[in-house]
Amino acid sequence: MKDAKSTAAPLDISIVVLPGGDDPDIIYAFSANPDSGGALCVRTRSQGYWALEQNLGGAVLGGIGAAVGSNGAVTVLFAGSGGTLCWRAQQTDGSWTGEQDLGLAVVGDVTAFTGPDGMLQVFYSGAGSTLCWLGQRSDGSWGSEQNLGGLVGGAVTAIVAPGSTQMQLFYRGANGEVKWRAQNSDGTWPGETGLGGMAKDRVAAIVLPDTDVLQIFYWHDPDNQIQTCYRDGTKPWTTPKGLGESLSTNVAVAAIPGSAVVQMFFGGGDELYSKWRESNGKWSGHQELGGILGCDPVVAVVDGQLQVFYRRTGQTIWSRTRSTDGNWSSEANASPVSHVFVLMLENHSFDNIFGRSEIPNLDVASSGASNYYWFGTWGRSFVVDNEAPLSMPYGPEHGFSDTVVQLCGVGASYPSGGPYPPINNSGFVADYVASTPPAIGPQRLRGRHAVFRHPEQAARALRTRHHVHRLRPLVLLPPIVDLAESLLRSRRVVGGMGRHAQRRGHDQLLHHRRGHLPQRQRVRGNRWREAAVADLQRRGRRLQRRP
């Protein structure tokens, strides 16, 4: 995907999966954020939910390597802003250590691999682009860098050889040829061996399930096709063979859990594609999974299922999951939001619900926001405070002209076809006082636009609980959901009624919302809801029988 010597923030990601036991697996997704100068970022999924992205700072100049460290801590390594090997580790309280610079030259990508002995092994292109190796001790300290020689032109892939405890390495050599090294039994490393094929970057490797076959795949240069070769046990490597396709990314490969099927993922025309190897050794045609790839795909086994991760052109990490029946989920992003609930409360504004919630980054009315109302020589300011009533004595007007006054102030109007007046939210009190309420207590109202005898009696309802004790707020009635459900159950009845019958049915629903029931059904507790629903259904059946 990229030149190994590029200093731009890479778009590739690194995934670490920790077994969750009885809980969902824990996922760590590391990436460099190009919008923050290539800062190292991490997202974690715990208990099945993604947390917000955490910016760990610094600057990443190459591919990120991450794995479980020798001391059991998740450890991430990368080329820092000075072109040297840096690392961070998660501490027991969940926080991350500061950036630790090991002072070792790094050119390009870093590979982190937990060896068969549980020790963390790190491979990278060091000074002079030679292959270098660094090991971490069990106490978390680092050993000395070992220069293995040869020239590395891309990321290094590490894997444990079948039937052994020795590691094997694959990488693109200086001339583009795929190179291979197999660790000796005494832990030393021999020289590199060329396998013949020409790779553009990273080599993917896998041990085929239930065999001693080690197979590699890579993005072939110059025809952009998939090329592969394999080794069965200690036999020689086969001649590289093409599998077709037209790639735009490196290849990722993994075995489907509980089967002998191997599945491969790659980008083709910036979309995600897949193909798989059946147990008989034959490869399928490609399957288009969609999406837009801005980096190499990364595949991992999460909660017993294959999951492929990638980024688009931005910072968000996306994934798809393969179900046990072979189908793939729709594209999902690593967002901390799993469900969005929209609560619609009539005549309740955003400020009324969230204005004093102290939730950060909300655009709400300030504590000094107010409406001023004049009536003759009397006037007062109504300031936003914490004393908003649970409900109002009567609702504000909903008409277009009223809304114009509420948003733009007294005297504002909207000329047909003209521009909308400037919005300053100054007319809510004035329009509310001029609305048409029902009679409340001793106050008497006159005319369509009558007001209280003293306007403060009506206007102060905006900020006090003066009339709340005379109301039965909807939130104190049985949940609206239950009433809506009962109405839906009776929809066949209401929908077939004449206009007057529908009006009667509507009146009955309002009758329930006001808390009225026949005397014989006045009950307490949760039985109120059951009685309300039963009575509404009974009345609906009665209306249906009427001619």
Protein backbone atom coordinates (compact mmCIF):
# COMPACT_ATOMS: atom_id res chain seq x y z
CA MET A 1 0.00 0.00 0.00
CA LYS A 2 2.85 2.40 0.68
CA ASP A 3 6.53 3.02 0.22
CA ALA A 4 8.40 1.55 3.20
CA LYS A 5 10.48 4.72 3.47
CA SER A 6 7.58 7.15 3.40
CA THR A 7 7.42 9.65 6.27
CA ALA A 8 3.69 10.31 5.88
CA ALA A 9 1.32 9.02 8.56
CA PRO A 10 0.34 5.48 7.46
CA LEU A 11 -3.30 4.45 7.13
CA ASP A 12 -2.72 0.81 8.11
CA ILE A 13 -4.07 -0.55 11.39
CA SER A 14 -2.90 -3.17 13.88
CA ILE A 15 -5.31 -5.43 15.77
CA VAL A 16 -4.77 -7.30 19.05
CA VAL A 17 -7.46 -9.69 20.35
CA LEU A 18 -7.50 -10.90 23.95
CA PRO A 19 -9.72 -13.87 24.87
CA GLY A 20 -12.70 -12.76 26.92
CA GLY A 21 -13.52 -16.13 28.48
CA ASP A 22 -17.24 -16.07 29.23
CA ASP A 23 -17.38 -12.44 28.05
CA PRO A 24 -16.85 -11.13 24.51
CA ASP A 25 -13.23 -10.93 23.37
CA ILE A 26 -11.37 -7.67 23.98
CA ILE A 27 -10.13 -5.89 20.85
CA TYR A 28 -7.39 -3.26 20.58
CA ALA A 29 -7.24 -1.36 17.29
CA PHE A 30 -4.15 0.83 16.80
CA SER A 31 -3.73 3.39 14.05
CA ALA A 32 -2.03 6.67 13.24
CA ASN A 33 -4.35 9.66 12.87
CA PRO A 34 -3.31 11.73 9.83
CA ASP A 35 -5.51 14.60 11.03
CA SER A 36 -3.42 14.87 14.22
CA GLY A 37 0.02 14.82 12.69
CA GLY A 38 0.18 11.02 12.68
CA ALA A 39 -0.49 10.68 16.42
CA LEU A 40 -0.82 7.15 17.77
CA CYS A 41 -4.46 6.32 18.52
CA VAL A 42 -6.19 3.30 20.02
CA ARG A 43 -9.77 2.09 20.18
CA THR A 44 -10.77 -0.75 22.49
CA ARG A 45 -13.80 -3.01 22.51
CA SER A 46 -14.75 -4.48 25.87
CA GLN A 47 -17.95 -6.31 26.85
CA GLY A 48 -18.95 -6.03 23.19
CA TYR A 49 -18.88 -2.21 23.08
CA TRP A 50 -16.34 0.12 21.52
CA ALA A 51 -14.88 2.96 23.55
CA LEU A 52 -14.06 6.39 22.19
CA GLU A 53 -10.80 6.71 20.31
CA GLN A 54 -7.93 7.61 22.62
CA ASN A 55 -5.18 9.82 21.24
CA LEU A 56 -1.88 8.69 22.80
CA GLY A 57 0.10 11.47 21.12
CA GLY A 58 3.47 11.35 19.43
CA ALA A 59 3.93 10.82 15.71
CA VAL A 60 4.00 7.52 13.81
CA LEU A 61 6.16 7.29 10.67
CA GLY A 62 5.53 3.68 9.67
CA GLY A 63 3.35 0.63 10.16
CA ILE A 64 2.40 -0.17 13.76
CA GLY A 65 3.21 -3.46 15.47
CA ALA A 66 1.16 -4.56 18.47
CA ALA A 67 1.00 -7.76 20.51
CA VAL A 68 0.85 -9.07 24.06
CA GLY A 69 4.19 -8.34 25.74
CA SER A 70 6.38 -10.78 27.62
CA ASN A 71 4.97 -9.41 30.88
CA GLY A 72 1.36 -9.87 29.72
CA ALA A 73 0.73 -6.20 28.89
CA VAL A 74 -0.58 -5.13 25.47
CA THR A 75 2.42 -3.42 23.86
CA VAL A 76 2.56 -1.28 20.74
CA LEU A 77 5.76 -0.41 18.81
CA PHE A 78 6.34 2.01 15.95
CA ALA A 79 8.81 4.35 14.29
CA GLY A 80 8.57 7.63 16.18
CA SER A 81 9.01 11.18 14.93
CA GLY A 82 12.80 10.87 15.10
CA GLY A 83 12.87 7.71 13.00
CA THR A 84 13.69 5.58 16.05
CA LEU A 85 11.92 2.59 17.60
CA CYS A 86 9.37 3.68 20.24
CA TRP A 87 6.91 1.76 22.37
CA ARG A 88 4.01 2.12 24.78
CA ALA A 89 2.28 -0.45 26.98
CA GLN A 90 -1.04 -0.60 28.77
CA GLN A 91 -0.77 -0.51 32.54
CA THR A 92 -2.85 -2.51 35.02
CA ASP A 93 -5.22 0.42 35.61
CA GLY A 94 -5.98 0.64 31.88
CA SER A 95 -3.89 3.75 31.22
CA TRP A 96 -0.93 3.82 28.84
CA THR A 97 2.70 4.54 29.57
CA GLY A 98 4.32 7.53 27.98
CA GLU A 99 6.20 7.10 24.73
CA GLN A 100 9.48 5.24 25.37
CA ASP A 101 12.24 5.78 22.80
CA LEU A 102 14.68 2.88 22.46
CA GLY A 103 16.99 4.95 20.28
CA LEU A 104 17.20 2.30 17.53
CA ALA A 105 16.90 3.39 13.91
CA VAL A 106 13.77 2.19 12.09
CA VAL A 107 12.92 2.51 8.40
CA GLY A 108 9.26 1.80 7.71
CA ASP A 109 7.08 -0.79 9.40
CA VAL A 110 7.48 -2.58 12.75
CA THR A 111 6.27 -6.15 13.37
CA ALA A 112 5.42 -7.34 16.90
CA PHE A 113 4.96 -11.07 17.43
CA THR A 114 4.38 -13.15 20.55
CA GLY A 115 6.66 -16.17 20.13
CA PRO A 116 5.87 -19.76 21.12
CA ASP A 117 7.61 -19.19 24.47
CA GLY A 118 5.33 -16.24 25.27
CA MET A 119 8.10 -13.70 24.76
CA LEU A 120 7.51 -10.62 22.61
CA GLN A 121 9.67 -10.52 19.47
CA VAL A 122 10.09 -7.40 17.33
CA PHE A 123 11.30 -7.32 13.70
CA TYR A 124 11.95 -4.23 11.59
CA SER A 125 14.11 -2.65 8.95
CA GLY A 126 16.88 -0.98 10.92
CA ALA A 127 19.91 1.14 10.09
CA GLY A 128 20.88 0.67 6.45
CA SER A 129 17.50 -1.07 5.83
CA THR A 130 18.88 -4.33 7.24
CA LEU A 131 16.68 -6.85 9.06
CA CYS A 132 16.86 -6.30 12.83
CA TRP A 133 15.48 -8.30 15.74
CA LEU A 134 14.74 -7.23 19.31
CA GLY A 135 13.33 -9.31 22.17
CA GLN A 136 11.52 -8.28 25.35
CA ARG A 137 12.34 -9.93 28.66
CA SER A 138 9.71 -11.30 31.05
CA ASP A 139 10.07 -8.25 33.32
CA GLY A 140 9.20 -5.91 30.44
CA SER A 141 12.77 -4.72 29.80
CA TRP A 142 14.39 -5.02 26.38
CA GLY A 143 17.32 -7.07 25.19
CA SER A 144 19.97 -5.94 22.73
CA GLU A 145 19.23 -5.36 19.06
CA GLN A 146 20.50 -8.07 16.73
CA ASN A 147 21.25 -7.22 13.13
CA LEU A 148 20.38 -10.26 11.00
CA GLY A 149 21.73 -8.78 7.78
CA GLY A 150 20.06 -8.70 4.38
CA LEU A 151 17.96 -5.83 3.09
CA VAL A 152 14.27 -5.36 3.91
CA GLY A 153 11.98 -3.46 1.53
CA GLY A 154 8.69 -3.91 3.38
CA ALA A 155 6.99 -5.26 6.48
CA VAL A 156 8.19 -8.53 8.05
CA THR A 157 5.77 -11.41 8.67
CA ALA A 158 6.53 -13.84 11.53
CA ILE A 159 4.93 -17.24 12.05
CA VAL A 160 5.72 -20.46 13.93
CA ALA A 161 6.66 -23.34 11.67
CA PRO A 162 4.36 -26.40 11.68
CA GLY A 163 5.36 -29.05 14.18
CA SER A 164 8.08 -26.93 15.80
CA THR A 165 8.71 -24.04 18.16
CA GLN A 166 10.92 -22.10 15.75
CA MET A 167 9.85 -18.90 14.07
CA GLN A 168 9.95 -18.28 10.33
CA LEU A 169 10.15 -14.86 8.67
CA PHE A 170 8.96 -13.63 5.28
CA TYR A 171 9.57 -10.23 3.76
CA ARG A 172 10.22 -8.36 0.55
CA GLY A 173 13.92 -8.16 -0.12
CA ALA A 174 15.79 -5.20 -1.51
CA ASN A 175 15.32 -6.35 -5.10
CA GLY A 176 11.61 -7.08 -4.58
CA GLU A 177 12.05 -10.86 -4.27
CA VAL A 178 10.23 -12.70 -1.48
CA LYS A 179 12.77 -13.72 1.20
CA TRP A 180 12.52 -16.43 3.85
CA ARG A 181 14.39 -17.18 7.06
CA ALA A 182 13.80 -20.15 9.39
CA GLN A 183 15.13 -19.95 12.95
CA ASN A 184 17.57 -22.64 14.02
CA SER A 185 16.79 -24.93 16.95
CA ASP A 186 19.38 -23.09 19.05
CA GLY A 187 17.61 -19.75 18.48
CA THR A 188 20.09 -18.35 15.99
CA TRP A 189 19.14 -17.17 12.51
CA PRO A 190 20.60 -18.37 9.20
CA GLY A 191 20.95 -16.21 6.13
CA GLU A 192 17.97 -15.36 3.94
CA THR A 193 16.68 -17.54 1.09
CA GLY A 194 14.93 -16.20 -2.01
CA LEU A 195 11.66 -17.91 -2.97
CA GLY A 196 11.53 -16.57 -6.51
CA GLY A 197 8.37 -14.45 -6.56
CA MET A 198 8.36 -10.66 -6.66
CA ALA A 199 6.28 -8.91 -3.99
CA LYS A 200 5.15 -5.30 -3.74
CA ASP A 201 5.09 -5.23 0.06
CA ARG A 202 3.85 -7.48 2.86
CA VAL A 203 3.75 -11.28 2.64
CA ALA A 204 0.86 -13.14 4.31
CA ALA A 205 1.55 -16.60 5.79
CA ILE A 206 -0.63 -19.35 7.25
CA VAL A 207 -0.34 -22.96 8.39
CA LEU A 208 -3.13 -24.87 6.66
CA PRO A 209 -5.44 -26.48 9.26
CA ASP A 210 -4.63 -30.08 10.23
CA THR A 211 -1.51 -30.19 8.02
CA ASP A 212 2.19 -29.40 8.08
CA VAL A 213 1.78 -27.13 5.07
CA LEU A 214 3.02 -23.56 5.36
CA GLN A 215 1.63 -21.36 2.59
CA ILE A 216 2.34 -17.72 1.72
CA PHE A 217 0.45 -15.17 -0.38
CA TYR A 218 1.51 -11.77 -1.65
CA TRP A 219 0.69 -8.90 -3.96
CA HIS A 220 2.72 -9.79 -7.03
CA ASP A 221 4.78 -7.25 -8.90
CA PRO A 222 4.30 -6.16 -11.67
CA ASP A 223 0.95 -7.72 -12.69
CA ASN A 224 -0.88 -6.89 -9.36
CA GLN A 225 -2.20 -10.45 -9.06
CA ILE A 226 -2.21 -12.80 -6.09
CA GLN A 227 0.77 -15.12 -6.05
CA THR A 228 1.37 -18.04 -3.73
CA CYS A 229 3.73 -20.90 -2.93
CA TYR A 230 3.92 -23.43 -0.11
CA ARG A 231 6.11 -25.90 1.73
CA ASP A 232 4.91 -29.24 3.09
CA GLY A 233 6.88 -30.06 6.24
CA THR A 234 10.56 -30.08 5.40
CA LYS A 235 10.05 -30.45 1.65
CA PRO A 236 11.30 -27.74 -0.72
CA TRP A 237 9.19 -24.71 -1.51
CA THR A 238 7.00 -24.97 -4.57
CA THR A 239 7.35 -22.69 -7.57
CA PRO A 240 5.25 -19.50 -7.17
CA LYS A 241 1.82 -19.76 -8.75
CA GLY A 242 -0.67 -17.03 -9.66
CA LEU A 243 -4.26 -17.03 -8.36
CA GLY A 244 -5.48 -14.21 -10.58
CA GLU A 245 -7.43 -11.15 -9.39
CA SER A 246 -6.31 -7.53 -9.67
CA LEU A 247 -5.15 -6.22 -6.30
CA SER A 248 -5.02 -2.71 -4.87
CA THR A 249 -3.88 -3.77 -1.35
CA ASN A 250 -1.84 -6.43 0.36
CA VAL A 251 -3.43 -9.77 1.23
CA ALA A 252 -4.75 -10.94 4.62
CA VAL A 253 -5.47 -14.61 5.26
CA ALA A 254 -6.93 -16.73 8.09
CA ALA A 255 -8.56 -20.10 8.68
CA ILE A 256 -12.28 -20.23 9.37
CA PRO A 257 -12.64 -21.46 12.99
CA GLY A 258 -13.65 -25.11 13.27
CA SER A 259 -12.99 -25.92 9.62
CA ALA A 260 -10.20 -26.64 7.13
CA VAL A 261 -11.27 -23.72 4.93
CA VAL A 262 -8.82 -20.84 4.50
CA GLN A 263 -10.18 -17.41 3.56
CA MET A 264 -8.27 -14.57 1.94
CA PHE A 265 -9.08 -10.84 1.90
CA PHE A 266 -7.77 -8.11 -0.39
CA GLY A 267 -8.67 -4.85 -2.02
CA GLY A 268 -9.68 -4.70 -5.65
CA GLY A 269 -10.54 -1.31 -7.11
CA ASP A 270 -10.65 0.06 -3.53
CA GLU A 271 -13.39 -2.42 -2.55
CA LEU A 272 -13.07 -5.39 -0.21
CA TYR A 273 -12.98 -8.81 -1.85
CA SER A 274 -12.58 -12.36 -0.58
CA LYS A 275 -11.88 -15.84 -1.89
CA TRP A 276 -11.36 -19.09 -0.06
CA ARG A 277 -9.57 -22.41 -0.29
CA GLU A 278 -11.75 -25.46 0.16
CA SER A 279 -10.50 -28.51 2.05
CA ASN A 280 -9.80 -30.19 -1.33
CA GLY A 281 -7.26 -27.48 -2.17
CA LYS A 282 -9.29 -25.67 -4.83
CA TRP A 283 -9.78 -21.91 -4.70
CA SER A 284 -13.11 -20.21 -5.25
CA GLY A 285 -13.78 -17.21 -7.41
CA HIS A 286 -13.79 -13.86 -5.66
CA GLN A 287 -16.66 -12.60 -3.52
CA GLU A 288 -17.33 -8.88 -3.41
CA LEU A 289 -17.91 -7.67 0.15
CA GLY A 290 -18.15 -3.97 -0.76
CA GLY A 291 -16.93 -1.05 1.30
CA ILE A 292 -14.16 1.40 0.47
CA LEU A 293 -10.61 0.46 1.46
CA GLY A 294 -8.06 3.09 2.38
CA CYS A 295 -5.59 0.59 3.85
CA ASP A 296 -4.67 -3.09 3.90
CA PRO A 297 -7.36 -5.33 5.42
CA VAL A 298 -6.55 -7.06 8.73
CA VAL A 299 -8.29 -10.31 9.68
CA ALA A 300 -8.63 -11.80 13.15
CA VAL A 301 -10.72 -14.38 14.99
CA VAL A 302 -13.06 -12.57 17.37
CA ASP A 303 -15.59 -14.43 19.53
CA GLY A 304 -15.05 -17.56 17.44
CA GLN A 305 -15.80 -15.82 14.12
CA LEU A 306 -13.70 -14.27 11.40
CA GLN A 307 -13.72 -10.49 11.46
CA VAL A 308 -11.97 -8.29 8.91
CA PHE A 309 -10.95 -4.72 9.81
CA TYR A 310 -9.95 -1.80 7.61
CA ARG A 311 -10.06 1.96 7.31
CA ARG A 312 -11.55 4.04 4.57
CA THR A 313 -9.88 7.35 3.71
CA GLY A 314 -10.54 8.76 7.19
CA GLN A 315 -9.73 7.73 10.73
CA THR A 316 -12.78 5.55 11.42
CA ILE A 317 -12.16 1.80 11.61
CA TRP A 318 -14.71 -0.42 9.87
CA SER A 319 -15.27 -4.16 10.04
CA ARG A 320 -17.36 -7.05 8.77
CA THR A 321 -18.03 -10.32 10.57
CA ARG A 322 -18.55 -13.78 9.08
CA SER A 323 -21.38 -15.69 10.74
CA THR A 324 -21.29 -19.45 11.23
CA ASP A 325 -23.60 -19.92 8.23
CA GLY A 326 -21.05 -18.28 5.93
CA ASN A 327 -22.84 -14.97 5.47
CA TRP A 328 -21.13 -11.65 6.12
CA SER A 329 -22.54 -8.85 8.21
CA SER A 330 -23.08 -5.40 6.84
CA GLU A 331 -20.28 -2.89 7.21
CA ALA A 332 -20.02 -1.57 10.78
CA ASN A 333 -17.73 1.05 12.27
CA ALA A 334 -15.91 0.89 15.58
CA SER A 335 -18.17 3.43 17.21
CA PRO A 336 -19.00 3.67 20.91
CA VAL A 337 -22.64 4.29 19.89
CA SER A 338 -24.52 1.03 19.56
CA HIS A 339 -28.10 2.32 19.74
CA VAL A 340 -29.66 5.73 19.19
CA PHE A 341 -32.92 6.47 21.00
CA VAL A 342 -34.95 9.51 19.98
CA LEU A 343 -37.38 10.56 22.71
CA MET A 344 -40.12 12.81 21.35
CA LEU A 345 -41.85 14.84 24.09
CA GLU A 346 -44.45 17.29 22.82
CA ASN A 347 -43.66 20.92 23.72
CA HIS A 348 -40.34 19.96 25.33
CA SER A 349 -37.32 21.68 23.81
CA PHE A 350 -33.76 20.42 23.61
CA ASP A 351 -32.81 23.01 26.25
CA ASN A 352 -35.63 21.85 28.51
CA ILE A 353 -34.35 18.27 28.50
CA PHE A 354 -30.58 18.72 28.25
CA GLY A 355 -29.96 22.38 29.16
CA ARG A 356 -28.73 21.59 32.67
CA SER A 357 -27.48 18.05 32.05
CA GLU A 358 -23.83 19.21 32.08
CA ILE A 359 -23.10 16.81 29.24
CA PRO A 360 -19.99 18.21 27.51
CA ASN A 361 -20.02 19.62 23.97
CA LEU A 362 -23.76 20.35 23.86
CA ASP A 363 -25.02 23.58 22.31
CA VAL A 364 -27.58 24.66 24.92
CA ALA A 365 -28.93 27.94 26.24
CA SER A 366 -26.58 29.76 28.56
CA SER A 367 -27.51 30.53 32.17
CA GLY A 368 -28.01 34.18 31.27
CA ALA A 369 -30.47 33.56 28.40
CA SER A 370 -33.86 35.20 28.98
CA ASN A 371 -37.11 36.48 27.47
CA TYR A 372 -38.51 39.88 28.51
CA TYR A 373 -42.26 40.45 28.53
CA TRP A 374 -44.13 43.80 28.70
CA PHE A 375 -47.79 44.31 29.58
CA GLY A 376 -48.71 47.97 29.77
CA THR A 377 -46.39 49.47 32.33
CA TRP A 378 -45.54 46.10 33.84
CA GLY A 379 -42.63 43.96 32.65
CA ARG A 380 -40.24 41.35 33.85
CA SER A 381 -37.42 39.12 32.61
CA PHE A 382 -37.79 35.34 32.59
CA VAL A 383 -34.31 33.83 32.90
CA VAL A 384 -33.27 30.26 32.13
CA ASP A 385 -32.89 28.37 35.40
CA ASN A 386 -33.33 24.93 36.94
CA GLU A 387 -36.95 25.43 38.02
CA ALA A 388 -38.73 24.41 34.81
CA PRO A 389 -41.99 22.60 35.69
CA LEU A 390 -42.55 18.98 34.85
CA SER A 391 -45.47 20.01 32.66
CA MET A 392 -47.27 23.19 31.58
CA PRO A 393 -50.78 24.39 32.50
CA TYR A 394 -51.51 24.50 28.77
CA GLY A 395 -49.49 23.98 25.62
CA PRO A 396 -47.99 26.75 23.47
CA GLU A 397 -49.44 27.46 20.04
CA HIS A 398 -48.08 25.41 17.14
CA GLY A 399 -49.07 27.55 14.18
CA PHE A 400 -46.60 29.03 11.73
CA SER A 401 -47.20 32.64 12.80
CA ASP A 402 -46.79 31.68 16.47
CA THR A 403 -43.52 29.94 15.69
CA VAL A 404 -42.27 33.05 13.92
CA VAL A 405 -43.02 35.12 17.05
CA GLN A 406 -41.41 32.52 19.33
CA LEU A 407 -38.20 32.39 17.31
CA CYS A 408 -37.96 35.99 16.11
CA GLY A 409 -39.75 38.08 18.73
CA VAL A 410 -42.92 40.15 19.14
CA GLY A 411 -43.94 41.94 15.93
CA ALA A 412 -41.96 39.61 13.67
CA SER A 413 -43.71 38.37 10.55
CA TYR A 414 -42.84 36.34 7.53
CA PRO A 415 -43.70 37.98 4.19
CA SER A 416 -44.87 35.45 1.65
CA GLY A 417 -41.91 34.52 -0.51
CA GLY A 418 -39.61 36.79 1.47
CA PRO A 419 -36.67 36.04 3.75
CA TYR A 420 -37.22 34.51 7.17
CA PRO A 421 -36.77 37.09 9.97
CA PRO A 422 -33.60 36.94 12.09
CA ILE A 423 -33.87 34.33 14.84
CA ASN A 424 -33.12 35.47 18.41
CA ASN A 425 -35.45 33.20 20.45
CA SER A 426 -36.96 36.24 22.17
CA GLY A 427 -40.70 35.67 21.79
CA PHE A 428 -41.48 32.46 23.64
CA VAL A 429 -42.90 34.11 26.76
CA ALA A 430 -44.94 36.69 24.84
CA ASP A 431 -46.51 34.13 22.52
CA TYR A 432 -47.22 31.77 25.40
CA VAL A 433 -49.08 34.46 27.35
CA ALA A 434 -51.12 35.30 24.24
CA SER A 435 -52.05 31.65 23.63
CA THR A 436 -55.50 30.23 24.29
CA PRO A 437 -55.46 28.13 27.48
CA PRO A 438 -58.30 26.33 29.19
CA ALA A 439 -59.58 27.86 32.44
CA ILE A 440 -57.05 27.18 35.21
CA GLY A 441 -58.17 27.54 38.81
CA PRO A 442 -59.80 30.92 39.53
CA GLN A 443 -58.46 32.65 36.41
CA ARG A 444 -61.02 33.45 33.70
CA LEU A 445 -60.07 34.04 30.09
CA ARG A 446 -61.92 35.98 27.41
CA GLY A 447 -61.66 35.68 23.63
CA ARG A 448 -59.38 33.89 21.20
CA HIS A 449 -56.29 35.81 22.31
CA ALA A 450 -57.27 36.59 25.86
CA VAL A 451 -54.65 36.64 28.62
CA PHE A 452 -54.67 36.16 32.38
CA ARG A 453 -55.95 39.15 34.27
CA HIS A 454 -52.37 39.67 35.34
CA PRO A 455 -49.90 38.26 32.80
CA GLU A 456 -47.42 37.16 35.44
CA GLN A 457 -49.92 34.55 36.58
CA ALA A 458 -49.59 32.81 33.21
CA ALA A 459 -45.99 33.64 32.36
CA ARG A 460 -44.52 32.41 35.64
CA ALA A 461 -45.74 28.91 34.74
CA LEU A 462 -42.72 28.82 32.47
CA ARG A 463 -40.40 28.66 35.48
CA THR A 464 -42.31 27.55 38.58
CA ARG A 465 -44.27 24.56 39.79
CA HIS A 466 -47.28 26.70 40.78
CA HIS A 467 -49.84 24.67 38.84
CA VAL A 468 -48.14 21.29 38.70
CA HIS A 469 -50.09 19.87 41.63
CA ARG A 470 -53.31 20.36 39.63
CA LEU A 471 -52.08 18.23 36.71
CA ARG A 472 -51.38 14.59 36.00
CA PRO A 473 -48.25 14.82 33.84
CA LEU A 474 -48.01 12.24 31.08
CA VAL A 475 -44.76 10.89 32.50
CA LEU A 476 -46.69 9.84 35.61
CA LEU A 477 -49.30 7.95 33.62
CA PRO A 478 -48.75 4.41 32.28
CA PRO A 479 -46.03 4.52 29.62
CA ILE A 480 -47.10 6.07 26.34
CA VAL A 481 -45.64 3.02 24.59
CA ASP A 482 -48.30 0.82 26.17
CA LEU A 483 -51.10 3.14 25.10
CA ALA A 484 -49.66 3.33 21.58
CA GLU A 485 -49.46 -0.46 21.45
CA SER A 486 -53.08 -0.79 22.47
CA LEU A 487 -54.07 1.71 19.79
CA LEU A 488 -52.16 -0.27 17.16
CA ARG A 489 -53.96 -3.43 18.25
CA SER A 490 -57.25 -1.63 17.59
CA ARG A 491 -56.09 -0.08 14.30
CA ARG A 492 -58.26 -2.40 12.23
CA VAL A 493 -61.25 -1.18 14.19
CA VAL A 494 -60.49 2.54 14.11
CA GLY A 495 -59.45 2.49 10.45
CA GLY A 496 -62.81 1.11 9.35
CA MET A 497 -64.95 3.58 11.30
CA GLY A 498 -66.81 6.54 9.97
CA ARG A 499 -65.62 10.02 10.86
CA HIS A 500 -67.83 10.33 13.93
CA ALA A 501 -66.90 6.88 15.19
CA GLN A 502 -63.23 7.72 14.75
CA ARG A 503 -63.80 10.90 16.72
CA ARG A 504 -65.38 8.89 19.52
CA GLY A 505 -62.44 6.46 19.49
CA HIS A 506 -60.03 9.38 19.66
CA ASP A 507 -61.97 10.87 22.56
CA GLN A 508 -61.75 7.56 24.38
CA LEU A 509 -57.97 7.52 23.98
CA LEU A 510 -57.75 11.07 25.31
CA HIS A 511 -60.07 10.03 28.14
CA HIS A 512 -57.49 7.41 29.17
CA ARG A 513 -54.57 9.79 28.83
CA ARG A 514 -56.24 12.12 31.30
CA GLY A 515 -56.38 9.32 33.82
CA HIS A 516 -60.17 8.71 33.74
CA LEU A 517 -61.57 5.20 33.99
CA PRO A 518 -65.03 3.84 34.80
CA GLN A 519 -65.50 3.67 38.56
CA ARG A 520 -65.41 -0.10 38.60
CA GLN A 521 -61.92 -0.03 37.07
CA ARG A 522 -60.27 2.48 39.40
CA VAL A 523 -57.31 0.38 40.52
CA ARG A 524 -53.82 1.04 41.75
CA GLY A 525 -50.29 0.15 40.76
CA ASN A 526 -49.43 -1.58 37.50
CA ARG A 527 -52.99 -2.88 37.15
CA TRP A 528 -53.99 0.66 36.08
CA ARG A 529 -52.24 0.12 32.79
CA GLU A 530 -53.87 -3.28 32.25
CA ALA A 531 -57.27 -1.85 33.00
CA ALA A 532 -56.71 1.10 30.65
CA VAL A 533 -55.67 -1.12 27.76
CA ALA A 534 -58.50 -3.60 28.35
CA ASP A 535 -61.07 -0.84 28.54
CA LEU A 536 -59.77 0.79 25.36
CA GLN A 537 -59.96 -2.51 23.48
CA ARG A 538 -63.45 -3.19 24.80
CA ARG A 539 -64.66 0.22 23.69
CA GLY A 540 -63.06 -0.32 20.25
CA ARG A 541 -64.95 -3.61 19.80
CA ARG A 542 -68.14 -1.86 20.89
CA LEU A 543 -67.63 0.87 18.32
CA GLN A 544 -66.97 -1.72 15.62
CA ARG A 545 -70.34 -3.33 16.25
CA ARG A 546 -72.16 -0.03 15.85
CA PRO A 547 -73.65 0.66 12.39
